[in-house]
Amino acid sequence: MKKIVILIFMLLPFFAIAQGNHELRHRYGVGLTITGKRNVEIVGLGIGPLPLWGPTGGGSLTVKGVNVELFPVAVFTIIGSMFGPCLSLFSKEFYTPMDYDTTDTHIYGVSISGGLFPNADVHGFSFNLVNSYAMHSGGLELSFFSNTNNSFKGVQASMWGNRSLKGKGVQIGFFNSCYDCQVLQIGLLNRSGRRILPLLNFRFKPSRPDQLQRF
């Protein structure tokens, strides 16, 4: 850990930190994912000390390449990561912890983190040491404990569980639930729409509105 901290301070002078107003700032090579009120696009390697909770003050962040979170703060969300997938099997109120209308953090490529947070969307491959609460996931999403998305397209896979409001693809974990999805589920207990089945569940047709109302 000491060597990592020393390396960070050695590299800081070379990091491209965006400055200025809300105009889009392009950074190539290595860039910090802390943007403040700025709109920043990093093409290459984006590095940040904390999970991508997102910029503050109206800014935005786009990483095209590799996103790396250095410190796994998401370990403090382990308990919620275990209860959420179980409770969502019985009530749609537990599908997502927050309801964001928009996202201001966009990752295209690879993301490696302790845990992605709600106002981020990922297109590509994401590996999360604890969990993922990314708003949208497109591609392959791997987390040790759980994945929670508003929507996904591709694969959600974790040791404990996966949940999503909408999606198309595959869910693999002990507990899987999807409110309105065209999905194949493999796990100990699976829910797709109103149907709950052990081991294997699937739904390939869109749900009708009346089916969702009776959830």
C-alpha atoms as a PDB file:
ATOM      1  CA  MET A   1       0.000   0.000   0.000  1.00  0.00           C
ATOM      2  CA  LYS A   2       2.832   2.421   0.813  1.00  0.00           C
ATOM      3  CA  LYS A   3       4.401   1.793  -2.583  1.00  0.00           C
ATOM      4  CA  ILE A   4       1.076   2.516  -4.290  1.00  0.00           C
ATOM      5  CA  VAL A   5       0.689   5.838  -2.456  1.00  0.00           C
ATOM      6  CA  ILE A   6       4.261   6.836  -3.327  1.00  0.00           C
ATOM      7  CA  LEU A   7       3.660   5.946  -6.972  1.00  0.00           C
ATOM      8  CA  ILE A   8       0.523   8.093  -7.068  1.00  0.00           C
ATOM      9  CA  PHE A   9       2.393  11.147  -5.786  1.00  0.00           C
ATOM     10  CA  MET A  10       5.188  10.534  -8.264  1.00  0.00           C
ATOM     11  CA  LEU A  11       2.721  10.449 -11.143  1.00  0.00           C
ATOM     12  CA  LEU A  12       0.588  13.398 -10.060  1.00  0.00           C
ATOM     13  CA  PRO A  13       2.686  15.985 -11.931  1.00  0.00           C
ATOM     14  CA  PHE A  14       2.034  14.051 -15.136  1.00  0.00           C
ATOM     15  CA  PHE A  15      -1.715  13.703 -14.628  1.00  0.00           C
ATOM     16  CA  ALA A  16      -3.849  15.832 -16.883  1.00  0.00           C
ATOM     17  CA  ILE A  17      -6.283  17.659 -14.582  1.00  0.00           C
ATOM     18  CA  ALA A  18      -8.969  19.596 -16.393  1.00  0.00           C
ATOM     19  CA  GLN A  19      -9.286  23.276 -15.565  1.00  0.00           C
ATOM     20  CA  GLY A  20     -11.638  25.998 -16.667  1.00  0.00           C
ATOM     21  CA  ASN A  21     -15.373  26.277 -17.209  1.00  0.00           C
ATOM     22  CA  HIS A  22     -18.009  23.838 -18.500  1.00  0.00           C
ATOM     23  CA  GLU A  23     -16.470  23.595 -21.970  1.00  0.00           C
ATOM     24  CA  LEU A  24     -15.436  20.061 -22.837  1.00  0.00           C
ATOM     25  CA  ARG A  25     -11.798  19.390 -21.991  1.00  0.00           C
ATOM     26  CA  HIS A  26     -10.089  16.522 -23.810  1.00  0.00           C
ATOM     27  CA  ARG A  27      -7.242  14.734 -22.088  1.00  0.00           C
ATOM     28  CA  TYR A  28      -5.140  12.009 -23.709  1.00  0.00           C
ATOM     29  CA  GLY A  29      -2.923   9.508 -21.913  1.00  0.00           C
ATOM     30  CA  VAL A  30      -3.466   9.513 -18.135  1.00  0.00           C
ATOM     31  CA  GLY A  31      -6.084  11.688 -16.430  1.00  0.00           C
ATOM     32  CA  LEU A  32      -7.672  12.079 -13.009  1.00  0.00           C
ATOM     33  CA  THR A  33     -11.367  11.231 -12.841  1.00  0.00           C
ATOM     34  CA  ILE A  34     -12.005  14.043 -10.336  1.00  0.00           C
ATOM     35  CA  THR A  35     -13.516  16.818 -12.439  1.00  0.00           C
ATOM     36  CA  GLY A  36     -15.460  19.151 -10.142  1.00  0.00           C
ATOM     37  CA  LYS A  37     -17.583  21.531 -12.246  1.00  0.00           C
ATOM     38  CA  ARG A  38     -15.796  20.719 -15.482  1.00  0.00           C
ATOM     39  CA  ASN A  39     -16.790  18.572 -18.447  1.00  0.00           C
ATOM     40  CA  VAL A  40     -13.889  16.210 -19.034  1.00  0.00           C
ATOM     41  CA  GLU A  41     -13.226  13.495 -21.600  1.00  0.00           C
ATOM     42  CA  ILE A  42     -10.265  11.195 -20.956  1.00  0.00           C
ATOM     43  CA  VAL A  43      -8.991   9.074 -23.829  1.00  0.00           C
ATOM     44  CA  GLY A  44      -6.610   6.510 -22.374  1.00  0.00           C
ATOM     45  CA  LEU A  45      -6.331   5.766 -18.643  1.00  0.00           C
ATOM     46  CA  GLY A  46      -8.605   7.433 -16.087  1.00  0.00           C
ATOM     47  CA  ILE A  47      -7.544   7.117 -12.429  1.00  0.00           C
ATOM     48  CA  GLY A  48      -9.450   8.186  -9.330  1.00  0.00           C
ATOM     49  CA  PRO A  49      -9.008   7.579  -5.585  1.00  0.00           C
ATOM     50  CA  LEU A  50     -12.710   6.944  -4.897  1.00  0.00           C
ATOM     51  CA  PRO A  51     -15.601   5.140  -6.568  1.00  0.00           C
ATOM     52  CA  LEU A  52     -17.095   7.005  -9.477  1.00  0.00           C
ATOM     53  CA  TRP A  53     -19.824   8.826  -7.582  1.00  0.00           C
ATOM     54  CA  GLY A  54     -19.567  11.354 -10.334  1.00  0.00           C
ATOM     55  CA  PRO A  55     -18.582  14.981 -10.721  1.00  0.00           C
ATOM     56  CA  THR A  56     -20.226  17.731  -8.702  1.00  0.00           C
ATOM     57  CA  GLY A  57     -21.540  21.131  -9.692  1.00  0.00           C
ATOM     58  CA  GLY A  58     -22.932  20.182 -13.103  1.00  0.00           C
ATOM     59  CA  GLY A  59     -19.805  18.717 -14.662  1.00  0.00           C
ATOM     60  CA  SER A  60     -19.500  15.448 -16.542  1.00  0.00           C
ATOM     61  CA  LEU A  61     -16.904  12.762 -17.070  1.00  0.00           C
ATOM     62  CA  THR A  62     -16.316  10.470 -20.052  1.00  0.00           C
ATOM     63  CA  VAL A  63     -13.583   7.820 -20.065  1.00  0.00           C
ATOM     64  CA  LYS A  64     -12.736   6.118 -23.364  1.00  0.00           C
ATOM     65  CA  GLY A  65     -10.242   3.417 -22.550  1.00  0.00           C
ATOM     66  CA  VAL A  66      -9.580   2.146 -19.021  1.00  0.00           C
ATOM     67  CA  ASN A  67     -11.052   3.434 -15.767  1.00  0.00           C
ATOM     68  CA  VAL A  68      -9.315   2.458 -12.508  1.00  0.00           C
ATOM     69  CA  GLU A  69     -10.471   3.115  -8.949  1.00  0.00           C
ATOM     70  CA  LEU A  70      -7.554   3.023  -6.523  1.00  0.00           C
ATOM     71  CA  PHE A  71      -9.238   2.658  -3.121  1.00  0.00           C
ATOM     72  CA  PRO A  72     -12.165   0.213  -2.668  1.00  0.00           C
ATOM     73  CA  VAL A  73     -14.462   2.384  -0.534  1.00  0.00           C
ATOM     74  CA  ALA A  74     -17.373   0.191  -1.633  1.00  0.00           C
ATOM     75  CA  VAL A  75     -16.487  -2.368   1.064  1.00  0.00           C
ATOM     76  CA  PHE A  76     -18.792  -0.342   3.337  1.00  0.00           C
ATOM     77  CA  THR A  77     -21.763  -1.324   1.161  1.00  0.00           C
ATOM     78  CA  ILE A  78     -21.303  -5.090   1.522  1.00  0.00           C
ATOM     79  CA  ILE A  79     -24.331  -5.586   3.808  1.00  0.00           C
ATOM     80  CA  GLY A  80     -26.661  -3.769   1.437  1.00  0.00           C
ATOM     81  CA  SER A  81     -25.203  -5.726  -1.440  1.00  0.00           C
ATOM     82  CA  MET A  82     -26.286  -8.969   0.212  1.00  0.00           C
ATOM     83  CA  PHE A  83     -29.810  -7.952   1.267  1.00  0.00           C
ATOM     84  CA  GLY A  84     -30.830  -6.127  -1.905  1.00  0.00           C
ATOM     85  CA  PRO A  85     -30.859  -9.081  -4.332  1.00  0.00           C
ATOM     86  CA  CYS A  86     -32.827 -11.193  -1.842  1.00  0.00           C
ATOM     87  CA  LEU A  87     -35.491  -8.560  -1.074  1.00  0.00           C
ATOM     88  CA  SER A  88     -35.974  -7.714  -4.740  1.00  0.00           C
ATOM     89  CA  LEU A  89     -37.299 -11.235  -5.294  1.00  0.00           C
ATOM     90  CA  PHE A  90     -40.435 -10.255  -3.366  1.00  0.00           C
ATOM     91  CA  SER A  91     -40.909  -6.528  -3.974  1.00  0.00           C
ATOM     92  CA  LYS A  92     -40.039  -4.225  -6.867  1.00  0.00           C
ATOM     93  CA  GLU A  93     -39.277  -1.470  -4.337  1.00  0.00           C
ATOM     94  CA  PHE A  94     -35.915  -3.123  -3.709  1.00  0.00           C
ATOM     95  CA  TYR A  95     -34.774  -3.277  -7.314  1.00  0.00           C
ATOM     96  CA  THR A  96     -32.757  -0.077  -7.317  1.00  0.00           C
ATOM     97  CA  PRO A  97     -31.539   2.000  -4.345  1.00  0.00           C
ATOM     98  CA  MET A  98     -31.939   5.331  -6.180  1.00  0.00           C
ATOM     99  CA  ASP A  99     -33.829   6.673  -9.149  1.00  0.00           C
ATOM    100  CA  TYR A 100     -31.622   8.889 -11.279  1.00  0.00           C
ATOM    101  CA  ASP A 101     -33.036  10.405 -14.447  1.00  0.00           C
ATOM    102  CA  THR A 102     -29.656  11.071 -16.010  1.00  0.00           C
ATOM    103  CA  THR A 103     -26.068   9.963 -15.729  1.00  0.00           C
ATOM    104  CA  ASP A 104     -23.029  12.223 -15.868  1.00  0.00           C
ATOM    105  CA  THR A 105     -20.266   9.602 -15.818  1.00  0.00           C
ATOM    106  CA  HIS A 106     -19.781   7.496 -18.957  1.00  0.00           C
ATOM    107  CA  ILE A 107     -17.205   4.741 -19.399  1.00  0.00           C
ATOM    108  CA  TYR A 108     -16.458   3.150 -22.767  1.00  0.00           C
ATOM    109  CA  GLY A 109     -14.011   0.276 -22.530  1.00  0.00           C
ATOM    110  CA  VAL A 110     -12.822  -1.322 -19.294  1.00  0.00           C
ATOM    111  CA  SER A 111     -13.608  -0.339 -15.701  1.00  0.00           C
ATOM    112  CA  ILE A 112     -11.850  -1.811 -12.645  1.00  0.00           C
ATOM    113  CA  SER A 113     -13.155  -0.665  -9.289  1.00  0.00           C
ATOM    114  CA  GLY A 114     -14.241  -1.526  -5.769  1.00  0.00           C
ATOM    115  CA  GLY A 115     -17.778  -0.579  -6.734  1.00  0.00           C
ATOM    116  CA  LEU A 116     -19.433   1.572  -9.363  1.00  0.00           C
ATOM    117  CA  PHE A 117     -22.037   4.033  -8.126  1.00  0.00           C
ATOM    118  CA  PRO A 118     -25.480   4.966  -9.481  1.00  0.00           C
ATOM    119  CA  ASN A 119     -24.921   7.904 -11.807  1.00  0.00           C
ATOM    120  CA  ALA A 120     -22.420   6.043 -13.989  1.00  0.00           C
ATOM    121  CA  ASP A 121     -23.023   3.955 -17.068  1.00  0.00           C
ATOM    122  CA  VAL A 122     -20.564   1.470 -18.520  1.00  0.00           C
ATOM    123  CA  HIS A 123     -20.277   0.185 -22.074  1.00  0.00           C
ATOM    124  CA  GLY A 124     -17.814  -2.678 -22.286  1.00  0.00           C
ATOM    125  CA  PHE A 125     -16.321  -4.728 -19.444  1.00  0.00           C
ATOM    126  CA  SER A 126     -16.476  -3.880 -15.749  1.00  0.00           C
ATOM    127  CA  PHE A 127     -14.921  -5.749 -12.847  1.00  0.00           C
ATOM    128  CA  ASN A 128     -15.941  -4.684  -9.342  1.00  0.00           C
ATOM    129  CA  LEU A 129     -14.367  -6.014  -6.173  1.00  0.00           C
ATOM    130  CA  VAL A 130     -17.567  -5.608  -4.143  1.00  0.00           C
ATOM    131  CA  ASN A 131     -20.550  -4.538  -6.246  1.00  0.00           C
ATOM    132  CA  SER A 132     -21.883  -2.397  -9.058  1.00  0.00           C
ATOM    133  CA  TYR A 133     -24.699   0.127  -8.754  1.00  0.00           C
ATOM    134  CA  ALA A 134     -24.118   1.510 -12.235  1.00  0.00           C
ATOM    135  CA  MET A 135     -27.220   3.079 -13.715  1.00  0.00           C
ATOM    136  CA  HIS A 136     -26.753   1.310 -17.050  1.00  0.00           C
ATOM    137  CA  SER A 137     -24.511  -1.597 -18.003  1.00  0.00           C
ATOM    138  CA  GLY A 138     -23.859  -2.670 -21.556  1.00  0.00           C
ATOM    139  CA  GLY A 139     -21.537  -5.633 -21.982  1.00  0.00           C
ATOM    140  CA  LEU A 140     -20.050  -7.875 -19.290  1.00  0.00           C
ATOM    141  CA  GLU A 141     -20.477  -6.834 -15.656  1.00  0.00           C
ATOM    142  CA  LEU A 142     -18.623  -8.910 -13.039  1.00  0.00           C
ATOM    143  CA  SER A 143     -18.869  -8.226  -9.303  1.00  0.00           C
ATOM    144  CA  PHE A 144     -17.961 -10.333  -6.293  1.00  0.00           C
ATOM    145  CA  PHE A 145     -21.141  -9.642  -4.271  1.00  0.00           C
ATOM    146  CA  SER A 146     -23.845  -8.110  -6.466  1.00  0.00           C
ATOM    147  CA  ASN A 147     -24.888  -6.060  -9.484  1.00  0.00           C
ATOM    148  CA  THR A 148     -27.754  -3.563  -9.380  1.00  0.00           C
ATOM    149  CA  ASN A 149     -28.711  -1.640 -12.502  1.00  0.00           C
ATOM    150  CA  ASN A 150     -31.658   0.356 -13.761  1.00  0.00           C
ATOM    151  CA  SER A 151     -31.035  -1.380 -17.071  1.00  0.00           C
ATOM    152  CA  PHE A 152     -28.529  -3.776 -18.574  1.00  0.00           C
ATOM    153  CA  LYS A 153     -27.813  -5.351 -21.929  1.00  0.00           C
ATOM    154  CA  GLY A 154     -25.395  -8.251 -21.922  1.00  0.00           C
ATOM    155  CA  VAL A 155     -24.324 -10.251 -18.858  1.00  0.00           C
ATOM    156  CA  GLN A 156     -24.665  -9.608 -15.129  1.00  0.00           C
ATOM    157  CA  ALA A 157     -22.586 -12.081 -13.117  1.00  0.00           C
ATOM    158  CA  SER A 158     -21.765 -12.149  -9.408  1.00  0.00           C
ATOM    159  CA  MET A 159     -21.302 -14.645  -6.599  1.00  0.00           C
ATOM    160  CA  TRP A 160     -24.320 -13.402  -4.597  1.00  0.00           C
ATOM    161  CA  GLY A 161     -26.949 -11.773  -6.796  1.00  0.00           C
ATOM    162  CA  ASN A 162     -28.103  -9.537  -9.628  1.00  0.00           C
ATOM    163  CA  ARG A 163     -31.090  -7.242 -10.077  1.00  0.00           C
ATOM    164  CA  SER A 164     -32.339  -4.828 -12.683  1.00  0.00           C
ATOM    165  CA  LEU A 165     -35.484  -2.943 -13.615  1.00  0.00           C
ATOM    166  CA  LYS A 166     -35.068  -3.537 -17.345  1.00  0.00           C
ATOM    167  CA  GLY A 167     -32.681  -5.566 -19.419  1.00  0.00           C
ATOM    168  CA  LYS A 168     -31.804  -8.047 -22.111  1.00  0.00           C
ATOM    169  CA  GLY A 169     -29.268 -10.809 -21.628  1.00  0.00           C
ATOM    170  CA  VAL A 170     -28.120 -13.224 -18.926  1.00  0.00           C
ATOM    171  CA  GLN A 171     -28.011 -13.059 -15.119  1.00  0.00           C
ATOM    172  CA  ILE A 172     -25.759 -15.476 -13.215  1.00  0.00           C
ATOM    173  CA  GLY A 173     -25.696 -15.562  -9.400  1.00  0.00           C
ATOM    174  CA  PHE A 174     -27.327 -17.117  -6.335  1.00  0.00           C
ATOM    175  CA  PHE A 175     -30.273 -14.682  -6.484  1.00  0.00           C
ATOM    176  CA  ASN A 176     -31.411 -13.051  -9.730  1.00  0.00           C
ATOM    177  CA  SER A 177     -34.344 -10.743 -10.309  1.00  0.00           C
ATOM    178  CA  CYS A 178     -35.523  -8.591 -13.185  1.00  0.00           C
ATOM    179  CA  TYR A 179     -38.698  -6.527 -13.190  1.00  0.00           C
ATOM    180  CA  ASP A 180     -39.190  -6.123 -16.948  1.00  0.00           C
ATOM    181  CA  CYS A 181     -36.579  -8.114 -18.866  1.00  0.00           C
ATOM    182  CA  GLN A 182     -35.974 -10.494 -21.715  1.00  0.00           C
ATOM    183  CA  VAL A 183     -33.479 -12.596 -19.859  1.00  0.00           C
ATOM    184  CA  LEU A 184     -32.012 -16.002 -19.071  1.00  0.00           C
ATOM    185  CA  GLN A 185     -31.368 -16.469 -15.337  1.00  0.00           C
ATOM    186  CA  ILE A 186     -29.112 -19.108 -13.772  1.00  0.00           C
ATOM    187  CA  GLY A 187     -29.006 -19.295  -9.982  1.00  0.00           C
ATOM    188  CA  LEU A 188     -30.397 -20.694  -6.748  1.00  0.00           C
ATOM    189  CA  LEU A 189     -33.565 -18.561  -6.968  1.00  0.00           C
ATOM    190  CA  ASN A 190     -34.629 -16.491  -9.970  1.00  0.00           C
ATOM    191  CA  ARG A 191     -37.441 -14.028 -10.638  1.00  0.00           C
ATOM    192  CA  SER A 192     -38.396 -12.622 -14.018  1.00  0.00           C
ATOM    193  CA  GLY A 193     -41.547 -10.523 -13.931  1.00  0.00           C
ATOM    194  CA  ARG A 194     -44.046 -12.429 -11.766  1.00  0.00           C
ATOM    195  CA  ARG A 195     -42.470 -15.867 -12.186  1.00  0.00           C
ATOM    196  CA  ILE A 196     -40.082 -17.256  -9.566  1.00  0.00           C
ATOM    197  CA  LEU A 197     -38.181 -20.470 -10.313  1.00  0.00           C
ATOM    198  CA  PRO A 198     -35.182 -22.255  -8.812  1.00  0.00           C
ATOM    199  CA  LEU A 199     -32.010 -22.977 -10.794  1.00  0.00           C
ATOM    200  CA  LEU A 200     -33.177 -21.753 -14.216  1.00  0.00           C
ATOM    201  CA  ASN A 201     -35.636 -19.124 -15.384  1.00  0.00           C
ATOM    202  CA  PHE A 202     -36.144 -17.322 -18.674  1.00  0.00           C
ATOM    203  CA  ARG A 203     -38.338 -14.837 -20.467  1.00  0.00           C
ATOM    204  CA  PHE A 204     -37.746 -13.921 -24.100  1.00  0.00           C
ATOM    205  CA  LYS A 205     -40.877 -11.870 -24.817  1.00  0.00           C
ATOM    206  CA  PRO A 206     -41.548  -8.315 -23.565  1.00  0.00           C
ATOM    207  CA  SER A 207     -43.869  -8.142 -20.551  1.00  0.00           C
ATOM    208  CA  ARG A 208     -47.371  -6.756 -20.983  1.00  0.00           C
ATOM    209  CA  PRO A 209     -48.329  -3.705 -18.875  1.00  0.00           C
ATOM    210  CA  ASP A 210     -50.994  -5.684 -16.995  1.00  0.00           C
ATOM    211  CA  GLN A 211     -48.386  -8.295 -16.033  1.00  0.00           C
ATOM    212  CA  LEU A 212     -46.143  -5.686 -14.479  1.00  0.00           C
ATOM    213  CA  GLN A 213     -49.023  -4.084 -12.560  1.00  0.00           C
ATOM    214  CA  ARG A 214     -49.708  -7.407 -10.832  1.00  0.00           C
ATOM    215  CA  PHE A 215     -46.098  -7.717  -9.627  1.00  0.00           C
END
